[in-house]
Amino acid sequence: MKKTFLHLLMIAALFQIFNGCKKDNDEPADPPQPTDLQIAVFSDPHYHDPSLGISGSAFETYLLQDRKMIAQSKSIIESVITTLKSSNASIILVPGDLTKDGEKTNHEMMAALLAQLESAGKRVFVIPGNHDVNNPQSFSYSGSITTPVPTVTSEEFATIYDQFGFKEALYRDNNSLSYIVALNSNTWLLAMDACRYKENTTTSVTGGKFSDLTYQWVTEKLTEAKSKNIRVLGMIHHGLIEHYSGQATMFAEYLLDDWQTKSTELASLGLKVVFTGHFHAQDIVKKDINSSTFMFDIETGSLVTWPVPFRTITYTTTNKLTIHTNHVTALAGYPDFEVFSRNFLQQGMDTLTKLQLMSAPYSLSYLEAQMVAPLVVAGFLAHYHGDEVIDSVTQAGINQLTGLGGMAALVGMSVQAMFIDPAPADQNIEIDLTSGTVTPL
């Protein structure tokens, strides 16, 4: 009898020992107790490894239809990672478009760079953007030759970025790459995947849309969080709120499908803030549903688009977000990177804009496009920077366009809208997520 009792004690002790030694794929460890969370956000790094080609006529042809500093992407992200390693931020959020066009090599290299942050004690969380998964435009460039290279499936994406959200997830959606992690014992990060990579054929689908099953999963988890009095920060690639009047008409693919309804429903379930990317603009907007229900969409501009911003944020135990904007202003090999990056965007947007204005539905002549393009480019640059300001020359040009009527007036009104910045400010503010009030910093 005594021997049997001792034997049972030994088995129980061994069970406790082995049960306490969690493997990598076991349940996540208990989250830390509530404290102020130090967060950094950078978006749309569009990493492109130089081994896939950054020179030659094929690459130059690609750049003619793009506005992104793809050739500089590796140096830019390395600079940001160096900065964040020594920052106070312990949580890093990346709302999608990690790679140029979903190239497997680029994903592997990007994951290796993010691993440096985790080695420095940071917790990194990512979601895919429309460029990242099952992308048929995954290419390398050599001289005049463009060659398809392997992209990744959604399963491969989750494997490559396993340590950046998926492995420590409390919950994962079975129908997308959405997941939830505990940032501390009373705060969740809801990482939402609305990308439409299952529909990709010859190009990647730019727009975002929740499947019915994924949206059901999102709403169920928000309901659970609300019942447990858990705060939730959202992260998704596509915008949940229109960032300027007319964006939903001119650039619908940069907003979540049915964003009006979805943002209202999600806010009503307690999602008061969501970190987004996709449009490459540094912009914050607020949607008020009623006196006590609201949502902030905090969009962070792209690391490969001027003004090369990233955000540092403190989320306090008193439910306040203090948000600061930072920029990459220097880069090895560039005497004045700020000037280079602005000129790169301005010249790239000028070329793209003229081509679009001469195409349907605008169908302007070459001379007309030459006259109108600078105004359109000025609007885009102002919106990308945030806290938009219009000069008298640009305003006069817009007034002239709107006075012409027809298609010219439509273009003029569209450009004017990009200079009208809905509240709040876009760069440095404090948001009280209990009351919804905003204080400039």
Protein backbone atom coordinates (compact mmCIF):
# COMPACT_ATOMS: atom_id res chain seq x y z
CA MET A 1 0.00 0.00 0.00
CA LYS A 2 2.78 2.40 0.99
CA LYS A 3 4.77 1.48 -2.13
CA THR A 4 1.75 2.11 -4.33
CA PHE A 5 1.18 5.52 -2.70
CA LEU A 6 4.81 6.54 -3.24
CA HIS A 7 4.61 5.33 -6.82
CA LEU A 8 1.58 7.55 -7.44
CA LEU A 9 3.36 10.53 -5.90
CA MET A 10 6.32 9.98 -8.23
CA ILE A 11 4.04 9.80 -11.28
CA ALA A 12 2.27 13.00 -10.22
CA ALA A 13 5.60 14.78 -9.73
CA LEU A 14 6.85 13.68 -13.13
CA PHE A 15 3.58 14.81 -14.71
CA GLN A 16 4.00 18.27 -13.17
CA ILE A 17 7.60 18.50 -14.41
CA PHE A 18 6.83 17.49 -17.98
CA ASN A 19 3.63 19.49 -18.10
CA GLY A 20 5.60 22.59 -17.12
CA CYS A 21 8.15 22.14 -19.94
CA LYS A 22 6.15 23.58 -22.83
CA LYS A 23 7.17 22.84 -26.37
CA ASP A 24 7.13 25.46 -29.13
CA ASN A 25 3.74 24.33 -30.35
CA ASP A 26 2.11 24.18 -26.92
CA GLU A 27 -0.32 26.74 -25.52
CA PRO A 28 1.08 30.30 -25.29
CA ALA A 29 2.62 31.32 -21.99
CA ASP A 30 0.55 33.43 -19.62
CA PRO A 31 0.61 37.08 -20.77
CA PRO A 32 2.26 39.73 -18.60
CA GLN A 33 0.22 41.81 -16.19
CA PRO A 34 -1.23 45.13 -17.37
CA THR A 35 1.28 47.93 -17.80
CA ASP A 36 1.81 50.73 -20.30
CA LEU A 37 2.47 49.13 -23.70
CA GLN A 38 5.26 50.59 -25.84
CA ILE A 39 4.40 49.97 -29.50
CA ALA A 40 5.97 50.80 -32.85
CA VAL A 41 4.18 50.55 -36.21
CA PHE A 42 5.72 50.49 -39.66
CA SER A 43 3.81 49.47 -42.75
CA ASP A 44 4.20 48.47 -46.38
CA PRO A 45 7.99 47.92 -46.38
CA HIS A 46 7.70 46.09 -49.72
CA TYR A 47 11.04 44.37 -49.16
CA HIS A 48 12.88 43.45 -52.37
CA ASP A 49 16.15 41.60 -52.05
CA PRO A 50 18.86 42.94 -54.40
CA SER A 51 19.59 39.36 -55.48
CA LEU A 52 16.33 39.50 -57.47
CA GLY A 53 17.63 42.45 -59.48
CA ILE A 54 17.59 46.21 -58.93
CA SER A 55 19.05 47.40 -62.24
CA GLY A 56 18.75 46.84 -65.98
CA SER A 57 16.02 47.66 -68.48
CA ALA A 58 13.54 45.08 -67.14
CA PHE A 59 13.68 46.56 -63.63
CA GLU A 60 13.54 50.11 -65.00
CA THR A 61 10.44 49.20 -67.01
CA TYR A 62 8.83 47.90 -63.83
CA LEU A 63 9.63 51.16 -61.99
CA LEU A 64 7.83 53.18 -64.68
CA GLN A 65 4.52 51.88 -63.36
CA ASP A 66 5.41 52.14 -59.68
CA ARG A 67 6.08 54.94 -57.18
CA LYS A 68 7.90 52.89 -54.56
CA MET A 69 11.62 52.97 -53.69
CA ILE A 70 11.96 49.25 -54.29
CA ALA A 71 15.73 49.33 -54.92
CA GLN A 72 16.22 51.10 -51.57
CA SER A 73 13.79 48.92 -49.60
CA LYS A 74 16.45 46.69 -48.02
CA SER A 75 18.52 49.62 -46.74
CA ILE A 76 15.42 51.43 -45.45
CA ILE A 77 14.05 48.50 -43.45
CA GLU A 78 17.51 47.75 -42.07
CA SER A 79 17.73 51.36 -40.89
CA VAL A 80 14.33 51.18 -39.17
CA ILE A 81 15.18 47.87 -37.50
CA THR A 82 18.43 49.33 -36.16
CA THR A 83 16.46 52.26 -34.73
CA LEU A 84 13.76 50.07 -33.18
CA LYS A 85 16.25 47.68 -31.59
CA SER A 86 17.38 50.43 -29.23
CA SER A 87 13.94 52.03 -28.83
CA ASN A 88 11.54 51.69 -25.90
CA ALA A 89 9.07 49.82 -28.09
CA SER A 90 8.56 46.24 -26.96
CA ILE A 91 5.79 45.49 -29.49
CA ILE A 92 6.21 45.98 -33.26
CA LEU A 93 3.20 45.91 -35.61
CA VAL A 94 3.47 45.52 -39.40
CA PRO A 95 0.09 45.89 -41.19
CA GLY A 96 0.95 44.09 -44.41
CA ASP A 97 2.73 44.32 -47.78
CA LEU A 98 5.92 42.98 -46.31
CA THR A 99 7.31 42.19 -49.76
CA LYS A 100 7.41 43.72 -53.22
CA ASP A 101 5.15 41.08 -54.78
CA GLY A 102 5.06 38.01 -52.57
CA GLU A 103 8.41 36.54 -53.66
CA LYS A 104 9.36 33.64 -51.39
CA THR A 105 12.96 34.85 -51.24
CA ASN A 106 11.80 38.27 -50.12
CA HIS A 107 9.58 36.79 -47.42
CA GLU A 108 12.45 34.70 -46.08
CA MET A 109 14.78 37.69 -46.02
CA MET A 110 12.14 39.89 -44.39
CA ALA A 111 11.51 37.28 -41.70
CA ALA A 112 15.26 37.13 -40.99
CA LEU A 113 15.31 40.91 -40.50
CA LEU A 114 12.29 40.80 -38.18
CA ALA A 115 13.99 38.04 -36.20
CA GLN A 116 16.67 40.59 -35.28
CA LEU A 117 14.00 42.58 -33.45
CA GLU A 118 12.82 39.53 -31.53
CA SER A 119 16.43 38.72 -30.64
CA ALA A 120 16.58 42.23 -29.17
CA GLY A 121 13.62 41.39 -26.92
CA LYS A 122 10.79 42.78 -29.07
CA ARG A 123 7.53 41.04 -29.93
CA VAL A 124 6.77 41.38 -33.64
CA PHE A 125 3.33 40.79 -35.19
CA VAL A 126 2.55 40.78 -38.91
CA ILE A 127 -0.36 40.27 -41.27
CA PRO A 128 -0.28 39.92 -45.07
CA GLY A 129 -1.08 42.68 -47.53
CA ASN A 130 -2.49 42.32 -51.03
CA HIS A 131 1.02 41.93 -52.47
CA ASP A 132 2.17 39.13 -50.16
CA VAL A 133 0.44 35.82 -50.94
CA ASN A 134 -0.17 33.79 -54.10
CA ASN A 135 1.05 36.68 -56.24
CA PRO A 136 1.38 35.89 -59.96
CA GLN A 137 3.55 39.02 -60.39
CA SER A 138 6.39 37.55 -58.34
CA PHE A 139 9.46 38.26 -60.54
CA SER A 140 13.20 38.66 -60.69
CA TYR A 141 14.97 41.06 -63.06
CA SER A 142 18.20 40.56 -64.99
CA GLY A 143 19.14 42.94 -67.78
CA SER A 144 16.18 42.97 -70.15
CA ILE A 145 14.71 39.72 -68.82
CA THR A 146 11.84 39.39 -66.34
CA THR A 147 11.57 35.90 -64.84
CA PRO A 148 8.80 34.45 -62.64
CA VAL A 149 10.03 33.31 -59.21
CA PRO A 150 8.21 31.31 -56.51
CA THR A 151 5.61 33.12 -54.46
CA VAL A 152 4.07 31.74 -51.25
CA THR A 153 0.78 30.15 -50.29
CA SER A 154 -1.09 31.30 -47.20
CA GLU A 155 0.19 28.21 -45.39
CA GLU A 156 3.78 29.06 -46.33
CA PHE A 157 3.27 32.66 -45.19
CA ALA A 158 2.17 31.42 -41.76
CA THR A 159 5.18 29.09 -41.59
CA ILE A 160 7.74 31.73 -42.60
CA TYR A 161 6.31 34.23 -40.10
CA ASP A 162 5.45 31.63 -37.46
CA GLN A 163 7.28 33.46 -34.68
CA PHE A 164 5.65 36.79 -35.53
CA GLY A 165 2.14 36.15 -34.25
CA PHE A 166 1.03 32.74 -35.43
CA LYS A 167 2.93 30.58 -32.94
CA GLU A 168 1.82 32.50 -29.87
CA ALA A 169 -1.74 33.09 -31.02
CA LEU A 170 -4.51 32.54 -28.52
CA TYR A 171 -6.88 31.99 -31.45
CA ARG A 172 -6.47 31.50 -35.19
CA ASP A 173 -9.13 31.73 -37.86
CA ASN A 174 -9.45 28.57 -39.95
CA ASN A 175 -10.40 30.50 -43.09
CA SER A 176 -7.78 33.25 -43.24
CA LEU A 177 -4.49 34.38 -41.72
CA SER A 178 -6.32 36.25 -38.94
CA TYR A 179 -5.27 35.62 -35.34
CA ILE A 180 -5.38 37.01 -31.80
CA VAL A 181 -2.46 37.42 -29.40
CA ALA A 182 -2.47 38.67 -25.82
CA LEU A 183 -0.32 41.79 -25.47
CA ASN A 184 -0.90 41.60 -21.73
CA SER A 185 -3.51 40.05 -19.47
CA ASN A 186 -6.22 42.59 -20.36
CA THR A 187 -5.26 43.60 -23.94
CA TRP A 188 -5.58 41.63 -27.18
CA LEU A 189 -4.23 42.33 -30.64
CA LEU A 190 -6.79 41.31 -33.27
CA ALA A 191 -4.80 40.80 -36.49
CA MET A 192 -7.31 40.63 -39.35
CA ASP A 193 -6.66 39.25 -42.84
CA ALA A 194 -9.09 40.50 -45.51
CA CYS A 195 -6.78 39.99 -48.49
CA ARG A 196 -8.24 38.23 -51.53
CA TYR A 197 -5.26 36.11 -52.60
CA LYS A 198 -7.55 33.12 -53.23
CA GLU A 199 -8.95 35.10 -56.18
CA ASN A 200 -5.59 35.99 -57.76
CA THR A 201 -5.18 34.99 -61.42
CA THR A 202 -2.84 37.00 -63.64
CA THR A 203 -2.54 39.86 -61.13
CA SER A 204 -3.05 40.26 -57.40
CA VAL A 205 -6.40 41.62 -56.23
CA THR A 206 -5.85 45.02 -54.62
CA GLY A 207 -9.13 45.24 -52.72
CA GLY A 208 -9.95 43.66 -49.38
CA LYS A 209 -13.00 41.72 -48.27
CA PHE A 210 -13.88 39.51 -45.32
CA SER A 211 -15.30 36.11 -46.15
CA ASP A 212 -18.51 35.40 -44.25
CA LEU A 213 -16.77 32.83 -42.05
CA THR A 214 -13.85 35.10 -41.22
CA TYR A 215 -16.12 38.01 -40.37
CA GLN A 216 -18.16 35.71 -38.14
CA TRP A 217 -14.92 34.68 -36.39
CA VAL A 218 -13.90 38.34 -35.92
CA THR A 219 -17.26 39.34 -34.43
CA GLU A 220 -17.37 36.29 -32.15
CA LYS A 221 -13.92 37.09 -30.76
CA LEU A 222 -14.79 40.74 -30.20
CA THR A 223 -17.94 39.64 -28.38
CA GLU A 224 -15.83 37.35 -26.21
CA ALA A 225 -13.36 40.14 -25.46
CA LYS A 226 -16.19 42.49 -24.52
CA SER A 227 -17.67 39.92 -22.15
CA LYS A 228 -14.26 39.51 -20.46
CA ASN A 229 -13.59 43.27 -20.30
CA ILE A 230 -10.51 42.88 -22.50
CA ARG A 231 -9.25 45.84 -24.52
CA VAL A 232 -8.68 45.13 -28.22
CA LEU A 233 -6.30 46.78 -30.68
CA GLY A 234 -7.02 45.94 -34.31
CA MET A 235 -4.61 45.56 -37.21
CA ILE A 236 -5.61 45.09 -40.85
CA HIS A 237 -4.05 46.04 -44.19
CA HIS A 238 -7.05 47.78 -45.77
CA GLY A 239 -8.68 50.92 -44.44
CA LEU A 240 -11.81 50.53 -42.33
CA ILE A 241 -12.76 54.21 -42.63
CA GLU A 242 -12.60 56.62 -45.58
CA HIS A 243 -9.59 58.90 -45.07
CA TYR A 244 -10.83 61.78 -47.20
CA SER A 245 -14.08 62.60 -48.93
CA GLY A 246 -14.28 60.72 -52.21
CA GLN A 247 -11.68 58.06 -51.45
CA ALA A 248 -14.36 55.37 -51.56
CA THR A 249 -15.30 56.52 -55.07
CA MET A 250 -11.85 57.16 -56.54
CA PHE A 251 -9.90 54.42 -54.73
CA ALA A 252 -12.44 51.92 -53.44
CA GLU A 253 -9.91 49.07 -53.51
CA TYR A 254 -7.97 50.72 -50.69
CA LEU A 255 -10.90 50.40 -48.31
CA LEU A 256 -12.40 47.20 -46.95
CA ASP A 257 -15.41 46.07 -48.95
CA ASP A 258 -18.58 47.32 -47.23
CA TRP A 259 -16.43 49.43 -44.92
CA GLN A 260 -19.31 51.63 -43.80
CA THR A 261 -21.26 48.72 -42.31
CA LYS A 262 -18.25 46.76 -41.08
CA SER A 263 -16.66 49.71 -39.25
CA THR A 264 -19.95 50.52 -37.52
CA GLU A 265 -20.53 46.92 -36.45
CA LEU A 266 -16.97 46.37 -35.26
CA ALA A 267 -16.96 49.63 -33.31
CA SER A 268 -20.23 48.62 -31.67
CA LEU A 269 -18.52 45.42 -30.55
CA GLY A 270 -15.75 47.40 -28.86
CA LEU A 271 -13.05 47.79 -31.54
CA LYS A 272 -12.12 51.43 -30.97
CA VAL A 273 -8.82 51.59 -32.84
CA VAL A 274 -7.35 49.80 -35.83
CA PHE A 275 -3.87 50.13 -37.35
CA THR A 276 -3.90 50.07 -41.17
CA GLY A 277 -1.65 50.65 -44.18
CA HIS A 278 -2.15 50.01 -47.91
CA PHE A 279 -2.68 53.56 -49.26
CA HIS A 280 0.85 54.66 -48.25
CA ALA A 281 -0.49 57.75 -46.46
CA GLN A 282 0.20 59.00 -42.93
CA ASP A 283 -3.36 59.68 -41.84
CA ILE A 284 -5.69 59.27 -38.87
CA VAL A 285 -9.48 59.49 -39.07
CA LYS A 286 -12.27 59.02 -36.55
CA LYS A 287 -15.76 57.68 -37.17
CA ASP A 288 -18.43 58.53 -34.60
CA ILE A 289 -21.33 56.08 -34.50
CA ASN A 290 -23.04 57.69 -31.50
CA SER A 291 -22.00 59.64 -28.39
CA SER A 292 -20.25 56.62 -26.85
CA THR A 293 -19.32 54.46 -29.86
CA PHE A 294 -16.49 55.37 -32.21
CA MET A 295 -13.51 54.03 -34.12
CA PHE A 296 -10.10 55.47 -35.02
CA ASP A 297 -8.36 54.24 -38.19
CA ILE A 298 -4.64 54.94 -37.72
CA GLU A 299 -3.03 54.53 -41.12
CA THR A 300 0.77 54.46 -41.31
CA GLY A 301 2.54 55.44 -44.53
CA SER A 302 4.88 53.16 -46.44
CA LEU A 303 8.60 52.77 -45.73
CA VAL A 304 9.26 52.92 -49.48
CA THR A 305 7.21 56.08 -50.09
CA TRP A 306 8.09 59.61 -48.99
CA PRO A 307 8.06 60.80 -46.23
CA VAL A 308 9.14 57.28 -45.07
CA PRO A 309 7.25 57.35 -41.74
CA PHE A 310 6.81 55.02 -38.81
CA ARG A 311 4.96 55.52 -35.56
CA THR A 312 5.85 55.07 -31.89
CA ILE A 313 2.92 54.69 -29.53
CA THR A 314 2.28 54.30 -25.82
CA TYR A 315 -0.95 52.56 -24.81
CA THR A 316 -1.48 53.38 -21.16
CA THR A 317 -3.27 51.47 -18.45
CA THR A 318 -5.66 54.45 -18.34
CA ASN A 319 -6.77 53.60 -21.90
CA LYS A 320 -4.95 56.40 -23.71
CA LEU A 321 -2.87 56.21 -26.90
CA THR A 322 -0.04 58.71 -27.27
CA ILE A 323 1.10 58.67 -30.89
CA HIS A 324 4.32 60.13 -32.32
CA THR A 325 5.48 60.17 -35.93
CA ASN A 326 9.07 59.42 -36.92
CA HIS A 327 10.75 59.50 -40.33
CA VAL A 328 13.76 57.90 -41.99
CA THR A 329 15.65 61.06 -42.91
CA ALA A 330 19.12 59.66 -43.62
CA LEU A 331 20.29 56.62 -45.56
CA ALA A 332 23.80 55.46 -46.37
CA GLY A 333 24.81 56.43 -49.89
CA TYR A 334 22.41 59.37 -50.16
CA PRO A 335 23.74 62.85 -49.27
CA ASP A 336 20.17 64.11 -48.69
CA PHE A 337 17.75 61.19 -48.45
CA GLU A 338 14.77 63.42 -47.63
CA VAL A 339 15.20 65.30 -50.91
CA PHE A 340 15.87 62.09 -52.85
CA SER A 341 12.79 60.31 -51.49
CA ARG A 342 10.49 63.27 -52.15
CA ASN A 343 11.81 63.74 -55.69
CA PHE A 344 11.50 60.01 -56.37
CA LEU A 345 7.83 60.03 -55.37
CA GLN A 346 7.06 63.28 -57.19
CA GLN A 347 8.63 62.13 -60.45
CA GLY A 348 7.08 58.66 -60.25
CA MET A 349 3.62 60.03 -59.49
CA ASP A 350 3.95 62.56 -62.33
CA THR A 351 4.57 59.78 -64.87
CA LEU A 352 1.77 57.59 -63.54
CA THR A 353 -0.69 60.47 -63.32
CA LYS A 354 -0.15 61.59 -66.91
CA LEU A 355 -0.71 58.06 -68.17
CA GLN A 356 -3.92 57.74 -66.15
CA LEU A 357 -5.24 61.15 -67.22
CA MET A 358 -4.75 60.25 -70.89
CA SER A 359 -6.65 56.99 -70.37
CA ALA A 360 -10.37 56.37 -69.86
CA PRO A 361 -12.43 57.70 -68.21
CA TYR A 362 -10.50 61.01 -68.32
CA SER A 363 -9.09 60.75 -71.86
CA LEU A 364 -7.27 64.08 -71.67
CA SER A 365 -4.88 65.14 -74.41
CA TYR A 366 -1.13 65.08 -73.75
CA LEU A 367 -1.04 68.86 -73.29
CA GLU A 368 -4.03 68.78 -70.93
CA ALA A 369 -2.44 65.99 -68.90
CA GLN A 370 0.78 68.01 -68.70
CA MET A 371 -1.15 70.92 -67.20
CA VAL A 372 -3.30 68.91 -64.77
CA ALA A 373 -0.77 66.35 -63.50
CA PRO A 374 1.19 68.71 -61.19
CA LEU A 375 -2.01 69.51 -59.27
CA VAL A 376 -2.88 65.83 -58.84
CA VAL A 377 0.66 65.02 -57.73
CA ALA A 378 0.58 67.88 -55.20
CA GLY A 379 -2.61 66.39 -53.73
CA PHE A 380 -1.09 62.96 -53.39
CA LEU A 381 2.10 64.27 -51.79
CA ALA A 382 0.12 66.31 -49.28
CA HIS A 383 -2.03 63.31 -48.34
CA TYR A 384 0.94 60.94 -48.10
CA HIS A 385 2.63 63.38 -45.71
CA GLY A 386 -0.44 63.98 -43.56
CA ASP A 387 -1.71 67.16 -41.88
CA GLU A 388 -2.32 68.49 -45.39
CA VAL A 389 -1.58 72.12 -46.25
CA ILE A 390 -2.36 73.71 -49.61
CA ASP A 391 -0.39 76.61 -51.11
CA SER A 392 -1.97 79.50 -53.02
CA VAL A 393 -0.62 78.44 -56.43
CA THR A 394 -2.07 74.91 -56.13
CA GLN A 395 -5.39 76.29 -54.88
CA ALA A 396 -5.58 78.66 -57.83
CA GLY A 397 -4.94 75.79 -60.23
CA ILE A 398 -7.66 73.69 -58.63
CA ASN A 399 -10.10 76.61 -58.83
CA GLN A 400 -9.33 76.96 -62.52
CA LEU A 401 -10.03 73.26 -63.12
CA THR A 402 -13.31 73.20 -61.23
CA GLY A 403 -14.45 76.27 -63.18
CA LEU A 404 -14.06 74.46 -66.51
CA GLY A 405 -16.83 71.97 -65.83
CA GLY A 406 -17.04 68.39 -67.10
CA MET A 407 -14.19 65.97 -66.49
CA ALA A 408 -11.77 68.79 -65.61
CA ALA A 409 -14.06 69.87 -62.77
CA LEU A 410 -14.28 66.28 -61.50
CA VAL A 411 -10.48 66.05 -61.38
CA GLY A 412 -10.30 69.42 -59.65
CA MET A 413 -12.81 68.43 -56.97
CA SER A 414 -10.99 65.12 -56.42
CA VAL A 415 -7.68 66.91 -55.88
CA GLN A 416 -9.33 69.46 -53.57
CA ALA A 417 -10.69 66.62 -51.43
CA MET A 418 -7.18 65.27 -50.84
CA PHE A 419 -6.21 68.56 -49.20
CA ILE A 420 -9.19 68.49 -46.82
CA ASP A 421 -7.94 66.55 -43.81
CA PRO A 422 -10.68 65.13 -41.56
CA ALA A 423 -10.02 65.38 -37.82
CA PRO A 424 -7.95 64.48 -35.95
CA ALA A 425 -4.37 65.50 -36.77
CA ASP A 426 -2.24 62.82 -38.39
CA GLN A 427 1.16 62.97 -36.72
CA ASN A 428 1.41 63.55 -32.96
CA ILE A 429 -1.70 63.23 -30.81
CA GLU A 430 -3.11 61.64 -27.67
CA ILE A 431 -6.36 59.69 -27.98
CA ASP A 432 -8.51 58.89 -24.96
CA LEU A 433 -10.11 55.61 -25.96
CA THR A 434 -12.64 55.85 -23.14
CA SER A 435 -14.14 59.17 -24.17
CA GLY A 436 -12.92 59.44 -27.78
CA THR A 437 -11.39 62.87 -27.19
CA VAL A 438 -8.13 63.88 -28.90
CA THR A 439 -5.36 66.15 -27.63
CA PRO A 440 -2.57 67.50 -29.86
CA LEU A 441 0.96 66.76 -28.68
